[in-house]
Protein backbone atom coordinates (compact mmCIF):
# COMPACT_ATOMS: atom_id res chain seq x y z
CA MET A 1 57.78 159.17 130.44
CA THR A 2 61.28 159.00 131.88
CA ALA A 3 60.97 155.24 132.31
CA ALA A 4 59.94 154.82 128.66
CA LEU A 5 62.87 156.97 127.53
CA MET A 6 65.31 154.92 129.66
CA LEU A 7 63.86 151.68 128.28
CA LEU A 8 64.29 152.97 124.72
CA VAL A 9 67.94 153.99 125.35
CA PHE A 10 68.86 150.61 126.88
CA THR A 11 67.11 148.72 124.06
CA LEU A 12 69.05 150.67 121.43
CA ALA A 13 72.33 150.19 123.31
CA PHE A 14 71.92 146.41 123.50
CA ALA A 15 70.71 146.17 119.90
CA ALA A 16 73.76 148.08 118.65
CA GLU A 17 76.16 145.54 120.18
CA LYS A 18 76.61 142.67 117.74
CA PRO A 19 78.73 139.61 118.36
CA PRO A 20 81.96 139.60 116.35
CA ALA A 21 81.61 137.85 113.00
CA ALA A 22 83.22 134.43 112.77
CA ALA A 23 86.40 134.26 110.71
CA PRO A 24 85.67 133.17 107.12
CA LEU A 25 86.44 129.52 106.43
CA PRO A 26 89.41 128.85 104.16
CA PRO A 27 88.43 127.55 100.71
CA ARG A 28 88.03 123.78 100.62
CA VAL A 29 90.83 122.06 98.75
CA PRO A 30 89.47 119.18 96.64
CA GLU A 31 90.82 115.67 97.10
CA MET A 32 92.25 114.22 93.89
CA SER A 33 93.29 110.72 92.89
CA ALA A 34 95.72 109.05 90.51
CA ALA A 35 96.75 105.49 89.71
CA GLY A 36 100.10 104.20 88.55
CA LYS A 37 103.16 102.08 89.16
CA VAL A 38 105.45 102.81 92.13
CA MET A 39 108.88 103.91 90.90
CA GLU A 40 110.44 105.07 94.19
CA ILE A 41 109.40 105.12 97.85
CA SER A 42 111.11 106.67 100.89
CA ASP A 43 109.98 107.94 104.30
CA THR A 44 109.07 111.35 102.85
CA VAL A 45 108.49 110.95 99.07
CA LEU A 46 106.56 108.58 96.78
CA ARG A 47 107.01 108.69 92.99
CA ILE A 48 104.61 106.93 90.64
CA GLU A 49 104.55 106.63 86.88
CA ARG A 50 101.19 106.79 85.16
CA THR A 51 100.01 106.78 81.56
CA LEU A 52 97.48 109.44 80.65
CA LYS A 53 96.18 109.73 77.07
CA GLY A 54 99.17 107.80 75.74
CA LYS A 55 101.75 109.95 77.57
CA VAL A 56 103.86 108.63 80.44
CA GLU A 57 103.95 111.02 83.39
CA THR A 58 105.84 110.86 86.70
CA MET A 59 104.09 112.25 89.78
CA GLU A 60 105.71 113.02 93.12
CA PHE A 61 103.86 112.94 96.44
CA TYR A 62 105.07 114.09 99.85
CA LEU A 63 104.25 111.81 102.77
CA GLU A 64 103.11 113.21 106.11
CA LYS A 65 103.49 109.72 107.59
CA PRO A 66 105.41 106.72 106.20
CA PHE A 67 103.45 104.05 104.31
CA LEU A 68 105.18 100.76 105.10
CA ASN A 69 103.05 98.43 102.97
CA ILE A 70 104.08 99.90 99.57
CA LYS A 71 106.74 98.24 97.40
CA VAL A 72 108.46 99.39 94.20
CA GLY A 73 106.73 98.00 91.10
CA GLU A 74 103.23 97.73 92.63
CA GLN A 75 100.18 99.15 90.87
CA ILE A 76 98.48 101.53 93.32
CA ARG A 77 95.79 104.19 93.52
CA VAL A 78 96.55 107.30 95.60
CA ASN A 79 94.39 110.10 97.00
CA TYR A 80 96.11 113.43 97.52
CA ARG A 81 95.61 117.17 98.00
CA GLU A 82 97.64 120.10 96.78
CA LYS A 83 99.10 121.99 99.73
CA GLU A 84 101.52 124.89 99.27
CA GLY A 85 102.22 123.83 95.68
CA ARG A 86 103.04 120.22 96.63
CA ASN A 87 101.02 117.02 96.30
CA VAL A 88 100.46 115.69 99.83
CA LEU A 89 99.53 112.00 99.97
CA LEU A 90 96.43 111.11 102.02
CA ARG A 91 95.63 107.43 101.23
CA VAL A 92 97.07 104.54 99.24
CA ALA A 93 95.20 101.46 97.99
CA PRO A 94 96.05 98.67 95.56
CA ALA A 95 94.82 99.43 92.04
CA LYS A 96 91.82 97.43 90.90
CA LYS A 97 92.56 94.84 88.27
CA THR A 98 91.08 95.70 84.91
CA ALA A 99 89.04 93.21 82.93
CA VAL A 100 90.81 91.04 80.38
CA GLN A 101 90.36 92.50 76.93
CA ASN A 102 88.27 90.39 74.58
CA THR A 103 89.79 89.80 71.15
CA GLY A 104 86.37 89.48 69.57
CA LYS A 105 86.87 85.84 68.59
CA GLU A 106 84.80 83.46 70.61
CA ALA A 107 85.65 79.81 70.93
CA PRO A 108 82.93 77.64 69.40
CA LYS A 109 80.68 76.17 72.05
CA GLU A 110 80.30 72.44 72.16
CA THR A 111 76.72 71.39 71.72
CA LYS A 112 75.40 68.29 73.34
CA PRO A 113 72.94 66.19 71.40
CA VAL A 114 69.43 66.57 72.67
CA VAL A 115 68.10 63.32 74.11
CA THR A 116 64.34 63.00 74.23
CA LYS A 117 62.74 60.49 76.52
CA GLU A 118 59.96 58.33 75.26
CA ALA A 119 56.63 58.46 76.99
CA PRO A 120 56.24 55.67 79.55
CA LYS A 121 54.50 52.63 78.15
CA THR A 122 51.28 51.60 79.79
CA LYS A 123 50.10 48.03 80.10
CA ALA A 124 46.99 47.11 78.23
CA TYR A 125 44.49 45.19 80.39
């Protein structure tokens, strides 16, 4: 009986001890993107101008590392995250070229005359 009581006490003592809960993960900050024309570039700041719904908007991004392959006037696409109220630049890529707009008028196609071949003539024996 004493052994059963001791076993019960030790079981309850070990069951009561729980490992500390892991710290909650910080909320995930989404990665955003924008495309526009480079207006200014330095070692710490990149400014682009983009048109959104007919309005021209200037966006400013803070660089954690310098991007040496960017030049003023280039069309680029940037990926960034908001961190402490600032847009922090993650990646830069050249903007994809858009398709040429069609005016709706098609040039008339030239048609070639259809040439039909005659059936081969057979010799009469």
